[in-house]
Amino acid sequence: MALLVLAQQSQPFVEFTPAQAKQAVARELGLERIPRPDDAADGLALALAAWYQR
């Protein structure tokens, strides 16, 4: 629904696969590997997103 609204308003957006998001977290934090379990990587991704929204 959110993507539909953005498209209707001609707002730009990007989509990432779960793997791309996890790889970005690892790069951003300077980690050699993607954090495991997947929930840990997802939690870090959300924390980083919240941090950058401040």
Protein backbone atom coordinates (compact mmCIF):
# COMPACT_ATOMS: atom_id res chain seq x y z
CA MET A 1 0.00 0.00 0.00
CA ALA A 2 2.80 2.42 0.88
CA LEU A 3 4.49 1.92 -2.50
CA LEU A 4 1.20 2.56 -4.30
CA VAL A 5 0.73 5.85 -2.48
CA LEU A 6 4.30 6.92 -3.22
CA ALA A 7 3.85 6.07 -6.90
CA GLN A 8 0.56 7.95 -7.09
CA GLN A 9 2.26 11.02 -5.59
CA SER A 10 5.27 10.67 -7.94
CA GLN A 11 7.55 10.27 -4.94
CA PRO A 12 10.81 8.41 -5.44
CA PHE A 13 11.41 5.20 -3.53
CA VAL A 14 13.81 2.29 -3.53
CA GLU A 15 13.34 -1.35 -2.64
CA PHE A 16 15.90 -3.71 -1.17
CA THR A 17 15.85 -7.46 -0.83
CA PRO A 18 16.39 -8.83 2.68
CA ALA A 19 19.88 -9.96 1.64
CA GLN A 20 20.76 -6.49 0.37
CA ALA A 21 19.63 -4.91 3.63
CA LYS A 22 21.70 -7.37 5.68
CA GLN A 23 24.77 -6.77 3.51
CA ALA A 24 24.35 -3.01 3.92
CA VAL A 25 24.23 -3.41 7.71
CA ALA A 26 27.42 -5.45 7.67
CA ARG A 27 29.19 -2.88 5.49
CA GLU A 28 27.95 0.07 7.54
CA LEU A 29 29.17 -1.47 10.76
CA GLY A 30 32.44 -2.68 9.27
CA LEU A 31 31.59 -6.32 9.88
CA GLU A 32 33.25 -9.10 7.91
CA ARG A 33 30.08 -11.20 7.86
CA ILE A 34 26.35 -10.66 8.01
CA PRO A 35 25.16 -10.95 11.63
CA ARG A 36 23.41 -14.20 12.53
CA PRO A 37 20.71 -15.13 13.28
CA ASP A 38 18.76 -13.22 10.64
CA ASP A 39 16.70 -11.54 13.36
CA ALA A 40 19.87 -9.94 14.70
CA ALA A 41 20.69 -8.44 11.30
CA ASP A 42 17.10 -7.26 10.90
CA GLY A 43 17.20 -5.61 14.31
CA LEU A 44 20.46 -3.84 13.48
CA ALA A 45 19.00 -2.66 10.17
CA LEU A 46 16.00 -1.14 11.95
CA ALA A 47 18.22 0.47 14.58
CA LEU A 48 20.39 2.05 11.88
CA ALA A 49 17.34 3.29 9.99
CA ALA A 50 15.97 4.87 13.17
CA TRP A 51 19.33 6.45 13.92
CA TYR A 52 19.55 8.06 10.49
CA GLN A 53 16.00 9.42 10.79
CA ARG A 54 16.95 11.50 13.83
